[in-house]
Structure formats: structure tokens, C-alpha cells
């Protein structure tokens, strides 16, 4: 009796993450709220100390820190990598793709189909003109490629894809290194102007306060925005890599004719959602 299955289609994100169509990537609301929350906390701290928000707005300091950081990035990295980083940031607030029980069950169904009707029966599961990682893996199974060579091919692609994804995080981490230094540069320039006003001591206090705004911009940009965004990109890249690792193990298991139940048991180790710390409950 033939088994009717629904083709698994995948969408590819800006960072090269593949996912089945039924796993539509949702926006991470908490992550989206974190940026305005950071701004609100800084503003509240300024007001609580008796300051004004206007005092934090210094165009010259912003030009040095933000403009200088951008210029340094343009000099440090190829434009193609910077564009790829910008595309990665456009999807940074979406929930990362990670293995789940539905994905494991899907591969168990494919294993059953291959066991009953042969690997060629999986050809109908590969959408036309689809270059996603899952389709690549299934195509190797259908073509009867040696399991060892298939694993090597897929792992090479996975490593290259993860490395490319991590480059985007490294760009932001480099920017986080430049920003505080440029903030210090802005502060030194401000202090130079203050020292020119030694004949007017009453104005020195205001001048010093303005000078240190540049340091605030640099440190705040690095530690409140760039480093957290880089960390999130790294987490998304790793989550996508783990998903591809699951696909590799599933494809090789199906190709070697492993029993479907063993395929499911083998893949369940990749499920991260809701997992307990190892050894916490004695398991």
C-alpha cells in the first residue's frame, strides 16, 4: 500500500538557515522589546539623577562614535560581507530554527517510506528547483551515494555555512571594539576644548560633562547593542547548524537502512527545546 506524504519545502533565511515550511519563523517579541527597553533604562537613569535627556544629545560626539565606527568597518571588511551582515541583522529578531519532535517524526516517516518502497520513492519529496539543505541531503539518498561520502559532503557544506554565518557576528564584535576607542577619542577632543577655557572656570564643568558624552556613546553602543546582537547572531548560527546536523544524521541513517524507530531515537538527542540539564534528574 503506497504511503501518501506531503513534500517538505523549505525557506532559506538571510543567514542561510533552512527550515520546513510548516515551521514559519516567528518574531521574538522579547528580543524586539529589549532595544527600546535599553534606551528607556538609560533615559530613566539620567532623569533620576536630576539630568535632562537633552544633555545626552551631542551631535559632535555621535558623529565621532557612530560615523567613525562605520568608517572603520568600511575599511576593515569587504562590502559584500557588510551587506551580508546587514541582511543577517534584518532577521535577527526572528525565533531561531531548532530541531523539534515534529521534525524528528517527519524523518521517521521518510525512513518508513524508504524502507518499504526504496530510496527512490523519496524523490517525490524533493521540490523542483529547491536548493535547501534538506533537499540536498535527500537527493544524495535518492542517488544512492555512499553513506560515508554523503556524510562528508553534507558536513563540509554545514561547516562552511556555519563559518559564513559566524562571520556576520564577527563583524559586529569588531565594531564593538572600535566604538569605545572612538568614544575616548571624542572625549579627548572635548577635553582639549575645555582646557582652552581655563580662563573661565565656571564653564569648565559643563564642558567636561559634554566631553564625556562621547565615551558614553562608545561604551553604550558596544555593550548594549553591538555585543548582544553579535551574541544573538552566533546563537542563531549554531541553532541552524544543529538543525543541519540532524538532517545529516537522518539522511545517512535512511541511506544505510537503519530501522525507523532507531532513526527517531537517534535524532531525539538533537531536540533542545524543554530539555533538562544533564544529570539534574539523575538521567
C-alpha atoms as a PDB file:
ATOM      1  CA  UNK A   1       0.000   0.000   0.000  1.00  0.00           C
ATOM      2  CA  UNK A   2       1.533   3.325  -1.027  1.00  0.00           C
ATOM      3  CA  UNK A   3       2.089   5.944   1.609  1.00  0.00           C
ATOM      4  CA  UNK A   4       0.961   9.455   0.736  1.00  0.00           C
ATOM      5  CA  UNK A   5       3.246  12.146   2.062  1.00  0.00           C
ATOM      6  CA  UNK A   6       3.464  15.888   1.737  1.00  0.00           C
ATOM      7  CA  UNK A   7       6.638  17.295   0.180  1.00  0.00           C
ATOM      8  CA  UNK A   8       8.863  19.094   2.649  1.00  0.00           C
ATOM      9  CA  UNK A   9       9.581  22.564   1.368  1.00  0.00           C
ATOM     10  CA  UNK A  10      11.996  24.929   2.996  1.00  0.00           C
ATOM     11  CA  UNK A  11      12.537  28.645   3.209  1.00  0.00           C
ATOM     12  CA  UNK A  12      16.066  29.965   3.389  1.00  0.00           C
ATOM     13  CA  UNK A  13      16.745  32.922   5.639  1.00  0.00           C
ATOM     14  CA  UNK A  14      19.304  35.697   5.077  1.00  0.00           C
ATOM     15  CA  UNK A  15      21.912  33.791   7.044  1.00  0.00           C
ATOM     16  CA  UNK A  16      21.373  30.571   5.146  1.00  0.00           C
ATOM     17  CA  UNK A  17      19.191  28.869   7.760  1.00  0.00           C
ATOM     18  CA  UNK A  18      16.896  26.242   6.267  1.00  0.00           C
ATOM     19  CA  UNK A  19      13.590  25.248   7.769  1.00  0.00           C
ATOM     20  CA  UNK A  20      10.475  23.373   6.755  1.00  0.00           C
ATOM     21  CA  UNK A  21       7.577  25.491   5.604  1.00  0.00           C
ATOM     22  CA  UNK A  22       5.401  24.354   8.489  1.00  0.00           C
ATOM     23  CA  UNK A  23       7.955  25.858  10.880  1.00  0.00           C
ATOM     24  CA  UNK A  24       7.291  29.507   9.984  1.00  0.00           C
ATOM     25  CA  UNK A  25       9.754  31.696  11.794  1.00  0.00           C
ATOM     26  CA  UNK A  26       8.009  33.900  14.310  1.00  0.00           C
ATOM     27  CA  UNK A  27       9.331  37.169  15.604  1.00  0.00           C
ATOM     28  CA  UNK A  28      10.901  37.085  19.046  1.00  0.00           C
ATOM     29  CA  UNK A  29       8.831  39.726  20.820  1.00  0.00           C
ATOM     30  CA  UNK A  30      11.021  39.831  23.936  1.00  0.00           C
ATOM     31  CA  UNK A  31      14.135  40.411  21.852  1.00  0.00           C
ATOM     32  CA  UNK A  32      12.396  43.174  19.902  1.00  0.00           C
ATOM     33  CA  UNK A  33      11.373  44.885  23.145  1.00  0.00           C
ATOM     34  CA  UNK A  34      14.921  44.705  24.515  1.00  0.00           C
ATOM     35  CA  UNK A  35      16.224  47.594  22.390  1.00  0.00           C
ATOM     36  CA  UNK A  36      13.635  50.188  23.456  1.00  0.00           C
ATOM     37  CA  UNK A  37      13.978  48.827  26.991  1.00  0.00           C
ATOM     38  CA  UNK A  38      17.713  49.583  26.952  1.00  0.00           C
ATOM     39  CA  UNK A  39      17.044  53.148  25.791  1.00  0.00           C
ATOM     40  CA  UNK A  40      14.347  53.581  28.424  1.00  0.00           C
ATOM     41  CA  UNK A  41      16.643  52.360  31.213  1.00  0.00           C
ATOM     42  CA  UNK A  42      19.406  54.801  30.233  1.00  0.00           C
ATOM     43  CA  UNK A  43      16.909  57.672  29.984  1.00  0.00           C
ATOM     44  CA  UNK A  44      15.366  56.785  33.354  1.00  0.00           C
ATOM     45  CA  UNK A  45      18.786  56.657  34.987  1.00  0.00           C
ATOM     46  CA  UNK A  46      19.637  60.085  33.579  1.00  0.00           C
ATOM     47  CA  UNK A  47      16.385  61.625  34.782  1.00  0.00           C
ATOM     48  CA  UNK A  48      16.613  60.011  38.229  1.00  0.00           C
ATOM     49  CA  UNK A  49      19.975  61.705  38.769  1.00  0.00           C
ATOM     50  CA  UNK A  50      18.437  65.099  38.050  1.00  0.00           C
ATOM     51  CA  UNK A  51      19.747  65.343  34.495  1.00  0.00           C
ATOM     52  CA  UNK A  52      17.903  66.043  31.295  1.00  0.00           C
ATOM     53  CA  UNK A  53      17.592  63.929  28.182  1.00  0.00           C
ATOM     54  CA  UNK A  54      18.768  66.873  26.114  1.00  0.00           C
ATOM     55  CA  UNK A  55      22.104  66.700  27.889  1.00  0.00           C
ATOM     56  CA  UNK A  56      22.676  63.250  26.383  1.00  0.00           C
ATOM     57  CA  UNK A  57      22.209  64.528  22.827  1.00  0.00           C
ATOM     58  CA  UNK A  58      25.567  65.683  21.458  1.00  0.00           C
ATOM     59  CA  UNK A  59      25.779  65.675  17.640  1.00  0.00           C
ATOM     60  CA  UNK A  60      29.561  66.028  17.578  1.00  0.00           C
ATOM     61  CA  UNK A  61      30.065  63.042  19.878  1.00  0.00           C
ATOM     62  CA  UNK A  62      27.576  60.995  17.840  1.00  0.00           C
ATOM     63  CA  UNK A  63      29.405  61.883  14.622  1.00  0.00           C
ATOM     64  CA  UNK A  64      32.737  60.730  16.032  1.00  0.00           C
ATOM     65  CA  UNK A  65      31.467  57.478  17.563  1.00  0.00           C
ATOM     66  CA  UNK A  66      28.822  56.326  15.085  1.00  0.00           C
ATOM     67  CA  UNK A  67      30.399  57.808  11.979  1.00  0.00           C
ATOM     68  CA  UNK A  68      33.878  56.720  12.979  1.00  0.00           C
ATOM     69  CA  UNK A  69      32.753  53.164  13.737  1.00  0.00           C
ATOM     70  CA  UNK A  70      31.023  52.929  10.356  1.00  0.00           C
ATOM     71  CA  UNK A  71      34.099  54.244   8.578  1.00  0.00           C
ATOM     72  CA  UNK A  72      36.317  51.745  10.390  1.00  0.00           C
ATOM     73  CA  UNK A  73      34.035  48.883   9.348  1.00  0.00           C
ATOM     74  CA  UNK A  74      34.093  50.001   5.717  1.00  0.00           C
ATOM     75  CA  UNK A  75      37.882  49.890   5.846  1.00  0.00           C
ATOM     76  CA  UNK A  76      38.074  46.582   7.729  1.00  0.00           C
ATOM     77  CA  UNK A  77      35.719  44.342   5.749  1.00  0.00           C
ATOM     78  CA  UNK A  78      34.713  43.777   2.112  1.00  0.00           C
ATOM     79  CA  UNK A  79      31.458  45.410   1.092  1.00  0.00           C
ATOM     80  CA  UNK A  80      29.922  42.006   0.302  1.00  0.00           C
ATOM     81  CA  UNK A  81      30.411  40.836   3.883  1.00  0.00           C
ATOM     82  CA  UNK A  82      28.974  44.085   5.237  1.00  0.00           C
ATOM     83  CA  UNK A  83      25.888  43.667   3.056  1.00  0.00           C
ATOM     84  CA  UNK A  84      25.534  40.071   4.237  1.00  0.00           C
ATOM     85  CA  UNK A  85      25.768  41.267   7.837  1.00  0.00           C
ATOM     86  CA  UNK A  86      23.039  43.844   7.184  1.00  0.00           C
ATOM     87  CA  UNK A  87      20.809  41.087   5.757  1.00  0.00           C
ATOM     88  CA  UNK A  88      21.517  38.928   8.794  1.00  0.00           C
ATOM     89  CA  UNK A  89      20.515  41.781  11.105  1.00  0.00           C
ATOM     90  CA  UNK A  90      17.215  42.144   9.263  1.00  0.00           C
ATOM     91  CA  UNK A  91      16.244  38.714  10.581  1.00  0.00           C
ATOM     92  CA  UNK A  92      17.940  38.834  13.962  1.00  0.00           C
ATOM     93  CA  UNK A  93      14.654  39.270  15.824  1.00  0.00           C
ATOM     94  CA  UNK A  94      13.102  36.104  14.475  1.00  0.00           C
ATOM     95  CA  UNK A  95      12.947  32.911  16.516  1.00  0.00           C
ATOM     96  CA  UNK A  96      15.854  30.653  15.625  1.00  0.00           C
ATOM     97  CA  UNK A  97      15.318  27.354  13.834  1.00  0.00           C
ATOM     98  CA  UNK A  98      15.961  24.354  16.051  1.00  0.00           C
ATOM     99  CA  UNK A  99      15.123  20.635  15.895  1.00  0.00           C
ATOM    100  CA  UNK A 100      11.778  19.614  17.388  1.00  0.00           C
ATOM    101  CA  UNK A 101       9.659  16.493  17.699  1.00  0.00           C
ATOM    102  CA  UNK A 102       7.744  17.294  14.501  1.00  0.00           C
ATOM    103  CA  UNK A 103      10.990  17.315  12.526  1.00  0.00           C
ATOM    104  CA  UNK A 104      12.135  14.025  14.071  1.00  0.00           C
ATOM    105  CA  UNK A 105       8.757  12.444  13.317  1.00  0.00           C
ATOM    106  CA  UNK A 106       8.984  13.647   9.735  1.00  0.00           C
ATOM    107  CA  UNK A 107      12.267  11.831   9.227  1.00  0.00           C
ATOM    108  CA  UNK A 108      10.835   8.705  10.851  1.00  0.00           C
ATOM    109  CA  UNK A 109       8.054   8.786   8.250  1.00  0.00           C
ATOM    110  CA  UNK A 110      10.634   9.187   5.470  1.00  0.00           C
ATOM    111  CA  UNK A 111      12.608   6.264   6.891  1.00  0.00           C
ATOM    112  CA  UNK A 112       9.492   4.096   6.839  1.00  0.00           C
ATOM    113  CA  UNK A 113       8.784   5.126   3.246  1.00  0.00           C
ATOM    114  CA  UNK A 114      12.353   4.367   2.137  1.00  0.00           C
ATOM    115  CA  UNK A 115      12.306   1.010   3.954  1.00  0.00           C
ATOM    116  CA  UNK A 116       9.028  -0.078   2.319  1.00  0.00           C
ATOM    117  CA  UNK A 117       9.388   1.336  -1.170  1.00  0.00           C
ATOM    118  CA  UNK A 118      13.094   2.009  -1.576  1.00  0.00           C
ATOM    119  CA  UNK A 119      15.166   5.175  -1.538  1.00  0.00           C
ATOM    120  CA  UNK A 120      13.933   6.200  -4.992  1.00  0.00           C
ATOM    121  CA  UNK A 121      10.457   6.729  -3.530  1.00  0.00           C
ATOM    122  CA  UNK A 122      11.835   9.776  -1.710  1.00  0.00           C
ATOM    123  CA  UNK A 123      12.391  11.593  -4.989  1.00  0.00           C
ATOM    124  CA  UNK A 124       8.845  12.902  -4.815  1.00  0.00           C
ATOM    125  CA  UNK A 125       9.710  14.579  -1.512  1.00  0.00           C
ATOM    126  CA  UNK A 126      12.236  16.874  -3.207  1.00  0.00           C
ATOM    127  CA  UNK A 127      10.597  20.048  -4.563  1.00  0.00           C
ATOM    128  CA  UNK A 128      11.678  21.116  -8.034  1.00  0.00           C
ATOM    129  CA  UNK A 129      14.499  23.685  -8.176  1.00  0.00           C
ATOM    130  CA  UNK A 130      14.878  23.539  -4.408  1.00  0.00           C
ATOM    131  CA  UNK A 131      18.474  24.060  -3.209  1.00  0.00           C
ATOM    132  CA  UNK A 132      17.793  23.856   0.535  1.00  0.00           C
ATOM    133  CA  UNK A 133      19.978  21.681   2.729  1.00  0.00           C
ATOM    134  CA  UNK A 134      17.217  19.112   3.277  1.00  0.00           C
ATOM    135  CA  UNK A 135      16.710  18.727  -0.474  1.00  0.00           C
ATOM    136  CA  UNK A 136      20.455  18.323  -0.980  1.00  0.00           C
ATOM    137  CA  UNK A 137      20.541  15.583   1.641  1.00  0.00           C
ATOM    138  CA  UNK A 138      17.514  13.730   0.247  1.00  0.00           C
ATOM    139  CA  UNK A 139      18.938  13.940  -3.259  1.00  0.00           C
ATOM    140  CA  UNK A 140      22.100  12.172  -2.112  1.00  0.00           C
ATOM    141  CA  UNK A 141      19.932   9.435  -0.581  1.00  0.00           C
ATOM    142  CA  UNK A 142      17.886   9.063  -3.757  1.00  0.00           C
ATOM    143  CA  UNK A 143      21.041   8.970  -5.915  1.00  0.00           C
ATOM    144  CA  UNK A 144      22.392   6.094  -3.845  1.00  0.00           C
ATOM    145  CA  UNK A 145      25.584   7.920  -2.853  1.00  0.00           C
ATOM    146  CA  UNK A 146      27.859   6.007  -0.484  1.00  0.00           C
ATOM    147  CA  UNK A 147      26.863   6.938   3.114  1.00  0.00           C
ATOM    148  CA  UNK A 148      30.414   7.881   4.114  1.00  0.00           C
ATOM    149  CA  UNK A 149      30.841  10.178   1.129  1.00  0.00           C
ATOM    150  CA  UNK A 150      27.361  11.628   1.610  1.00  0.00           C
ATOM    151  CA  UNK A 151      28.187  12.442   5.232  1.00  0.00           C
ATOM    152  CA  UNK A 152      31.475  14.037   4.235  1.00  0.00           C
ATOM    153  CA  UNK A 153      29.793  16.167   1.577  1.00  0.00           C
ATOM    154  CA  UNK A 154      26.995  17.374   3.849  1.00  0.00           C
ATOM    155  CA  UNK A 155      29.296  18.034   6.798  1.00  0.00           C
ATOM    156  CA  UNK A 156      31.621  20.094   4.599  1.00  0.00           C
ATOM    157  CA  UNK A 157      28.683  22.213   3.494  1.00  0.00           C
ATOM    158  CA  UNK A 158      27.422  22.554   7.062  1.00  0.00           C
ATOM    159  CA  UNK A 159      30.815  23.720   8.334  1.00  0.00           C
ATOM    160  CA  UNK A 160      31.184  26.223   5.511  1.00  0.00           C
ATOM    161  CA  UNK A 161      27.657  27.551   6.072  1.00  0.00           C
ATOM    162  CA  UNK A 162      28.162  27.945   9.809  1.00  0.00           C
ATOM    163  CA  UNK A 163      31.505  29.663   9.258  1.00  0.00           C
ATOM    164  CA  UNK A 164      29.872  32.117   6.857  1.00  0.00           C
ATOM    165  CA  UNK A 165      27.091  32.814   9.364  1.00  0.00           C
ATOM    166  CA  UNK A 166      29.570  33.418  12.168  1.00  0.00           C
ATOM    167  CA  UNK A 167      31.429  35.971  10.059  1.00  0.00           C
ATOM    168  CA  UNK A 168      28.447  38.290  10.455  1.00  0.00           C
ATOM    169  CA  UNK A 169      28.761  38.077  14.231  1.00  0.00           C
ATOM    170  CA  UNK A 170      32.488  38.758  13.993  1.00  0.00           C
ATOM    171  CA  UNK A 171      31.779  41.972  12.083  1.00  0.00           C
ATOM    172  CA  UNK A 172      29.635  43.266  14.941  1.00  0.00           C
ATOM    173  CA  UNK A 173      32.199  42.168  17.510  1.00  0.00           C
ATOM    174  CA  UNK A 174      34.868  44.153  15.659  1.00  0.00           C
ATOM    175  CA  UNK A 175      32.587  47.182  15.629  1.00  0.00           C
ATOM    176  CA  UNK A 176      32.136  46.730  19.385  1.00  0.00           C
ATOM    177  CA  UNK A 177      35.918  47.038  19.717  1.00  0.00           C
ATOM    178  CA  UNK A 178      36.127  50.230  17.685  1.00  0.00           C
ATOM    179  CA  UNK A 179      33.230  52.103  19.319  1.00  0.00           C
ATOM    180  CA  UNK A 180      34.654  52.564  22.864  1.00  0.00           C
ATOM    181  CA  UNK A 181      38.026  53.634  21.462  1.00  0.00           C
ATOM    182  CA  UNK A 182      36.379  56.239  19.268  1.00  0.00           C
ATOM    183  CA  UNK A 183      34.395  57.340  22.310  1.00  0.00           C
ATOM    184  CA  UNK A 184      37.673  58.018  24.096  1.00  0.00           C
ATOM    185  CA  UNK A 185      38.906  59.926  21.046  1.00  0.00           C
ATOM    186  CA  UNK A 186      35.799  62.096  21.215  1.00  0.00           C
ATOM    187  CA  UNK A 187      36.303  62.666  24.924  1.00  0.00           C
ATOM    188  CA  UNK A 188      39.934  63.695  24.432  1.00  0.00           C
ATOM    189  CA  UNK A 189      38.886  66.139  21.722  1.00  0.00           C
ATOM    190  CA  UNK A 190      36.288  67.565  24.096  1.00  0.00           C
ATOM    191  CA  UNK A 191      38.848  67.908  26.883  1.00  0.00           C
ATOM    192  CA  UNK A 192      41.131  69.813  24.560  1.00  0.00           C
ATOM    193  CA  UNK A 193      38.372  72.347  24.052  1.00  0.00           C
ATOM    194  CA  UNK A 194      37.770  72.514  27.812  1.00  0.00           C
ATOM    195  CA  UNK A 195      41.422  73.216  28.502  1.00  0.00           C
ATOM    196  CA  UNK A 196      41.216  76.179  26.186  1.00  0.00           C
ATOM    197  CA  UNK A 197      38.691  77.694  28.600  1.00  0.00           C
ATOM    198  CA  UNK A 198      40.856  77.712  31.722  1.00  0.00           C
ATOM    199  CA  UNK A 199      40.289  81.439  31.947  1.00  0.00           C
ATOM    200  CA  UNK A 200      36.576  80.736  32.526  1.00  0.00           C
ATOM    201  CA  UNK A 201      36.391  78.111  35.328  1.00  0.00           C
ATOM    202  CA  UNK A 202      32.606  78.403  35.548  1.00  0.00           C
ATOM    203  CA  UNK A 203      32.248  76.890  32.088  1.00  0.00           C
ATOM    204  CA  UNK A 204      34.676  74.017  32.625  1.00  0.00           C
ATOM    205  CA  UNK A 205      32.179  71.822  34.455  1.00  0.00           C
ATOM    206  CA  UNK A 206      29.680  71.996  31.618  1.00  0.00           C
ATOM    207  CA  UNK A 207      32.451  71.380  29.111  1.00  0.00           C
ATOM    208  CA  UNK A 208      33.668  68.281  30.953  1.00  0.00           C
ATOM    209  CA  UNK A 209      30.159  66.851  31.060  1.00  0.00           C
ATOM    210  CA  UNK A 210      29.776  67.306  27.328  1.00  0.00           C
ATOM    211  CA  UNK A 211      33.201  65.772  26.641  1.00  0.00           C
ATOM    212  CA  UNK A 212      32.369  62.535  28.422  1.00  0.00           C
ATOM    213  CA  UNK A 213      29.183  62.016  26.380  1.00  0.00           C
ATOM    214  CA  UNK A 214      31.364  60.562  23.630  1.00  0.00           C
ATOM    215  CA  UNK A 215      32.661  57.881  25.997  1.00  0.00           C
ATOM    216  CA  UNK A 216      29.086  57.107  26.995  1.00  0.00           C
ATOM    217  CA  UNK A 217      28.123  56.717  23.342  1.00  0.00           C
ATOM    218  CA  UNK A 218      31.043  54.416  22.599  1.00  0.00           C
ATOM    219  CA  UNK A 219      30.676  52.156  25.621  1.00  0.00           C
ATOM    220  CA  UNK A 220      26.883  52.074  25.334  1.00  0.00           C
ATOM    221  CA  UNK A 221      26.909  51.263  21.623  1.00  0.00           C
ATOM    222  CA  UNK A 222      29.377  48.418  22.144  1.00  0.00           C
ATOM    223  CA  UNK A 223      27.990  46.785  25.271  1.00  0.00           C
ATOM    224  CA  UNK A 224      24.264  47.468  24.973  1.00  0.00           C
ATOM    225  CA  UNK A 225      23.777  46.923  21.242  1.00  0.00           C
ATOM    226  CA  UNK A 226      26.656  45.512  19.190  1.00  0.00           C
ATOM    227  CA  UNK A 227      27.831  42.733  21.521  1.00  0.00           C
ATOM    228  CA  UNK A 228      24.281  41.492  22.327  1.00  0.00           C
ATOM    229  CA  UNK A 229      23.395  41.483  18.622  1.00  0.00           C
ATOM    230  CA  UNK A 230      26.590  39.581  17.797  1.00  0.00           C
ATOM    231  CA  UNK A 231      25.833  37.054  20.522  1.00  0.00           C
ATOM    232  CA  UNK A 232      22.349  36.562  19.135  1.00  0.00           C
ATOM    233  CA  UNK A 233      23.699  36.022  15.610  1.00  0.00           C
ATOM    234  CA  UNK A 234      26.076  33.392  16.981  1.00  0.00           C
ATOM    235  CA  UNK A 235      23.192  31.628  18.726  1.00  0.00           C
ATOM    236  CA  UNK A 236      21.103  31.648  15.534  1.00  0.00           C
ATOM    237  CA  UNK A 237      24.031  30.324  13.519  1.00  0.00           C
ATOM    238  CA  UNK A 238      24.634  27.496  15.971  1.00  0.00           C
ATOM    239  CA  UNK A 239      20.939  26.614  16.110  1.00  0.00           C
ATOM    240  CA  UNK A 240      20.818  26.385  12.315  1.00  0.00           C
ATOM    241  CA  UNK A 241      23.982  24.263  12.296  1.00  0.00           C
ATOM    242  CA  UNK A 242      22.466  21.826  14.802  1.00  0.00           C
ATOM    243  CA  UNK A 243      19.395  21.529  12.585  1.00  0.00           C
ATOM    244  CA  UNK A 244      21.613  20.698   9.626  1.00  0.00           C
ATOM    245  CA  UNK A 245      23.480  18.147  11.752  1.00  0.00           C
ATOM    246  CA  UNK A 246      20.162  16.436  12.464  1.00  0.00           C
ATOM    247  CA  UNK A 247      19.404  16.358   8.737  1.00  0.00           C
ATOM    248  CA  UNK A 248      22.824  14.815   8.072  1.00  0.00           C
ATOM    249  CA  UNK A 249      22.299  12.060  10.638  1.00  0.00           C
ATOM    250  CA  UNK A 250      18.791  11.389   9.327  1.00  0.00           C
ATOM    251  CA  UNK A 251      19.910  11.196   5.691  1.00  0.00           C
ATOM    252  CA  UNK A 252      22.798   8.856   6.455  1.00  0.00           C
ATOM    253  CA  UNK A 253      20.591   6.647   8.641  1.00  0.00           C
ATOM    254  CA  UNK A 254      17.945   6.393   5.926  1.00  0.00           C
ATOM    255  CA  UNK A 255      20.597   5.680   3.295  1.00  0.00           C
ATOM    256  CA  UNK A 256      22.096   2.845   5.374  1.00  0.00           C
ATOM    257  CA  UNK A 257      18.662   1.336   6.038  1.00  0.00           C
ATOM    258  CA  UNK A 258      18.516   1.900   9.789  1.00  0.00           C
ATOM    259  CA  UNK A 259      15.214   0.857  11.356  1.00  0.00           C
ATOM    260  CA  UNK A 260      12.813   3.860  11.532  1.00  0.00           C
ATOM    261  CA  UNK A 261      12.444   3.585  15.304  1.00  0.00           C
ATOM    262  CA  UNK A 262      16.199   3.724  15.702  1.00  0.00           C
ATOM    263  CA  UNK A 263      16.280   6.757  13.414  1.00  0.00           C
ATOM    264  CA  UNK A 264      13.789   8.501  15.686  1.00  0.00           C
ATOM    265  CA  UNK A 265      15.715   7.556  18.830  1.00  0.00           C
ATOM    266  CA  UNK A 266      18.985   8.724  17.311  1.00  0.00           C
ATOM    267  CA  UNK A 267      17.581  12.102  16.266  1.00  0.00           C
ATOM    268  CA  UNK A 268      15.780  12.867  19.524  1.00  0.00           C
ATOM    269  CA  UNK A 269      19.139  13.761  21.061  1.00  0.00           C
ATOM    270  CA  UNK A 270      19.192  16.888  18.904  1.00  0.00           C
ATOM    271  CA  UNK A 271      15.985  18.300  20.395  1.00  0.00           C
ATOM    272  CA  UNK A 272      16.946  21.258  22.586  1.00  0.00           C
ATOM    273  CA  UNK A 273      13.552  22.730  23.471  1.00  0.00           C
ATOM    274  CA  UNK A 274      12.441  21.934  27.013  1.00  0.00           C
ATOM    275  CA  UNK A 275      15.467  19.790  27.746  1.00  0.00           C
ATOM    276  CA  UNK A 276      16.697  19.398  31.340  1.00  0.00           C
ATOM    277  CA  UNK A 277      20.293  19.941  32.423  1.00  0.00           C
ATOM    278  CA  UNK A 278      22.269  16.717  32.092  1.00  0.00           C
ATOM    279  CA  UNK A 279      22.238  14.813  35.376  1.00  0.00           C
ATOM    280  CA  UNK A 280      19.784  17.174  37.034  1.00  0.00           C
ATOM    281  CA  UNK A 281      17.189  14.432  37.460  1.00  0.00           C
ATOM    282  CA  UNK A 282      19.639  11.604  37.548  1.00  0.00           C
ATOM    283  CA  UNK A 283      19.355  10.809  33.802  1.00  0.00           C
END
